[in-house]
Protein backbone atom coordinates (compact mmCIF):
# COMPACT_ATOMS: atom_id res chain seq x y z
CA MET A 1 125.90 107.05 88.68
CA ALA A 2 125.19 103.56 87.33
CA ASP A 3 121.68 103.15 85.29
CA ARG A 4 118.96 102.53 88.61
CA LYS A 5 116.37 101.61 86.01
CA PRO A 6 116.94 97.33 85.58
CA ILE A 7 116.46 97.53 89.55
CA LYS A 8 113.51 99.76 89.62
CA GLN A 9 112.21 97.60 87.29
CA ALA A 10 113.11 94.12 89.05
CA HIS A 11 111.92 95.93 92.16
CA GLU A 12 108.17 96.97 90.14
CA ARG A 13 107.97 93.58 88.68
CA ALA A 14 108.54 91.89 92.38
CA GLN A 15 106.29 93.87 93.63
CA VAL A 16 103.15 93.17 91.54
CA ALA A 17 104.22 89.62 91.88
CA LEU A 18 103.86 89.64 95.59
CA PHE A 19 100.68 91.52 95.46
CA LEU A 20 99.10 88.92 92.77
CA GLN A 21 100.25 86.21 95.06
CA TRP A 22 98.29 87.66 97.74
CA PHE A 23 95.49 88.79 95.84
CA ASN A 24 94.74 85.44 93.83
CA ALA A 25 94.92 83.81 97.15
CA ARG A 26 92.65 85.81 99.36
CA TYR A 27 90.37 86.52 96.62
CA ARG A 28 90.27 83.33 94.87
CA THR A 29 90.88 84.93 91.38
CA ASN A 30 93.80 83.38 88.87
CA PHE A 31 95.40 87.00 87.49
CA SER A 32 98.38 87.14 85.80
CA VAL A 33 100.06 89.59 84.36
CA VAL A 34 99.52 90.24 80.25
CA ASP A 35 101.44 93.38 79.63
CA GLU A 36 104.12 95.77 80.95
CA PRO A 37 103.77 99.20 79.33
CA ASP A 38 105.37 100.93 82.22
CA PRO A 39 102.88 102.99 83.30
CA PRO A 40 100.70 101.74 84.75
CA GLU A 41 103.70 98.69 85.84
CA ALA A 42 101.18 96.08 84.62
CA ILE A 43 98.23 95.03 82.93
CA ILE A 44 96.73 91.68 84.80
CA ARG A 45 93.74 89.66 83.55
CA SER A 46 92.01 86.77 85.49
CA GLY A 47 89.26 84.73 82.97
CA ARG A 48 87.84 87.76 80.90
CA THR A 49 88.40 90.49 83.56
CA THR A 50 91.23 93.16 83.05
CA ARG A 51 92.93 95.19 85.87
CA TRP A 52 95.91 97.14 86.07
CA VAL A 53 98.45 97.65 88.74
CA GLU A 54 100.51 100.92 89.48
CA VAL A 55 103.54 100.79 92.48
CA THR A 56 104.94 103.51 94.11
CA ASP A 57 107.66 103.38 96.90
CA ALA A 58 107.22 104.93 100.51
CA PHE A 59 110.87 105.63 101.67
CA TRP A 60 111.49 106.42 105.10
CA SER A 61 113.81 109.43 103.52
CA ASP A 62 115.99 110.20 100.62
CA ALA A 63 118.88 109.07 102.44
CA PHE A 64 117.29 105.22 103.45
CA ALA A 65 116.09 105.66 99.30
CA LYS A 66 119.77 106.29 98.32
CA ASP A 67 120.87 103.59 100.76
CA GLU A 68 119.00 100.77 99.39
CA TYR A 69 118.86 101.65 95.75
CA SER A 70 122.76 102.15 96.07
CA TYR A 71 123.30 99.02 97.61
CA ALA A 72 121.03 96.97 95.00
CA THR A 73 122.58 98.83 91.88
CA PRO A 74 125.91 97.13 90.24
CA GLY A 75 128.55 99.43 90.01
CA GLU A 76 127.14 102.06 92.41
CA VAL A 77 128.86 102.77 95.35
CA HIS A 78 126.70 102.03 98.67
CA GLU A 79 125.77 105.11 100.50
CA PRO A 80 124.59 104.28 103.99
CA ILE A 81 121.84 106.32 105.95
CA GLY A 82 124.47 106.74 108.58
CA THR A 83 123.63 106.47 112.56
CA GLY A 84 121.39 109.75 112.98
CA PRO A 85 120.03 110.88 115.07
CA PHE A 86 116.73 110.60 113.64
CA LEU A 87 114.11 112.73 114.74
CA ASN A 88 110.22 111.71 114.54
CA PRO A 89 110.91 109.44 112.20
CA ASP A 90 106.73 107.75 111.80
CA GLU A 91 106.14 111.94 111.00
CA ALA A 92 109.04 111.93 108.41
CA PHE A 93 107.64 108.76 106.86
CA SER A 94 103.63 109.42 107.50
CA LYS A 95 104.00 112.69 105.28
CA ARG A 96 106.14 110.85 102.62
CA PHE A 97 103.97 107.82 102.65
CA VAL A 98 100.70 110.49 102.23
CA ASP A 99 102.29 112.57 99.80
CA ALA A 100 103.33 109.37 97.58
CA VAL A 101 99.90 108.16 97.42
CA ARG A 102 98.20 111.80 97.13
CA LYS A 103 100.67 112.08 93.91
CA LYS A 104 99.66 109.09 92.36
CA LEU A 105 95.74 109.59 93.20
CA GLU A 106 95.87 112.83 91.73
CA LYS A 107 97.92 111.95 88.51
CA ARG A 108 95.78 112.55 84.90
CA SER A 109 97.76 110.04 83.10
CA TYR A 110 96.38 107.04 84.92
CA GLU A 111 93.26 108.19 83.44
CA VAL A 112 93.60 106.24 80.06
CA SER A 113 94.08 102.94 82.14
CA ARG A 114 91.24 103.51 83.87
CA VAL A 115 88.97 104.14 80.86
CA LEU A 116 90.26 101.09 79.23
CA TYR A 117 90.33 98.50 82.16
CA GLY A 118 88.36 100.44 85.01
CA PRO A 119 89.97 101.55 88.23
CA GLY A 120 93.63 99.82 88.98
CA TYR A 121 95.22 98.96 92.41
CA LEU A 122 97.63 101.05 93.64
CA VAL A 123 100.71 98.72 95.73
CA VAL A 124 102.89 100.51 97.96
CA PRO A 125 105.97 98.94 99.50
CA ILE A 126 106.63 100.41 102.43
CA MET A 127 110.54 100.80 102.91
CA TYR A 128 110.63 101.87 106.59
CA PRO A 129 112.03 99.50 109.23
CA LEU A 130 110.32 101.25 112.24
CA PHE A 131 106.97 100.79 110.68
CA ASP A 132 103.88 99.23 113.43
CA ALA A 133 100.71 100.49 114.38
CA ASN A 134 101.69 104.20 115.53
CA THR A 135 103.06 104.65 112.30
CA MET A 136 99.76 103.58 111.05
CA ARG A 137 97.86 105.76 113.38
CA VAL A 138 100.20 108.52 112.23
CA ILE A 139 99.69 108.08 108.69
CA ARG A 140 95.58 107.81 109.41
CA GLU A 141 95.49 111.63 111.41
CA LEU A 142 97.82 112.73 108.51
CA TRP A 143 95.46 111.89 105.90
CA SER A 144 92.56 112.91 107.47
CA GLN A 145 93.95 116.32 107.14
CA THR A 146 95.32 115.95 103.55
CA GLN A 147 93.08 117.71 100.79
CA ILE A 148 93.08 114.93 97.79
CA ASN A 149 91.89 115.22 94.54
CA ASP A 150 91.39 112.31 93.76
CA LEU A 151 90.67 111.12 90.21
CA GLY A 152 88.79 107.64 91.17
CA CYS A 153 91.62 106.50 88.59
CA PHE A 154 92.70 103.31 91.42
CA ARG A 155 90.12 101.08 93.07
CA SER A 156 91.93 100.56 95.96
CA VAL A 157 95.52 100.51 97.53
CA TYR A 158 97.41 98.25 99.31
CA MET A 159 100.38 98.00 101.32
CA ASN A 160 103.15 95.91 101.24
CA LEU A 161 104.67 95.61 104.63
CA GLN A 162 107.82 94.32 106.38
CA MET A 163 110.34 96.27 103.67
CA GLY A 164 108.64 96.07 101.01
CA ARG A 165 108.73 91.82 101.02
CA GLY A 166 105.16 91.33 102.39
CA PRO A 167 102.47 90.86 104.14
CA VAL A 168 100.33 92.85 101.51
CA GLN A 169 96.97 94.03 103.45
CA ARG A 170 94.45 96.59 101.99
CA TRP A 171 94.40 100.01 102.81
CA SER A 172 91.29 100.94 105.09
CA ALA A 173 91.48 104.38 104.65
CA TYR A 174 91.00 104.62 101.22
CA GLY A 175 89.34 102.37 98.64
CA ARG A 176 85.75 101.28 97.54
CA ILE A 177 85.94 97.52 97.34
């Protein structure tokens, strides 16, 4: 298998850049990346305020993730997702989204960043071509039924919609302000 690390890093940098472009315009800030320790993906600063950003993708399925990464990785043979049928895609994606966010909220290794810089921002690129209002409804339902040991490492969660290319929106089911 080809080395996917450069593709993953470029993807994460692009997600942080999209998020900061939106965030700075929305909240009239001037955050820029000052470090990339990985994890988290970025330490950001605006004036005297320092925060941090972590990125986690929410893919429709493992097969869809393999399709996307194999297509983008030089030297790797593209493995398309196939033609289906795909049963209950909103439910499948929603489970993956909730699981991806839950894992990040429960991950103890972010406590160091929280202590140093305060709660960070979690950016979740939505890698699901069928995302719509029904998908959001299913996510909210599943989220309300999920037990999560939130360690308080994140200030808020942002969804990067339209296959991770924007627009960005704050996920209102989670967040402190």
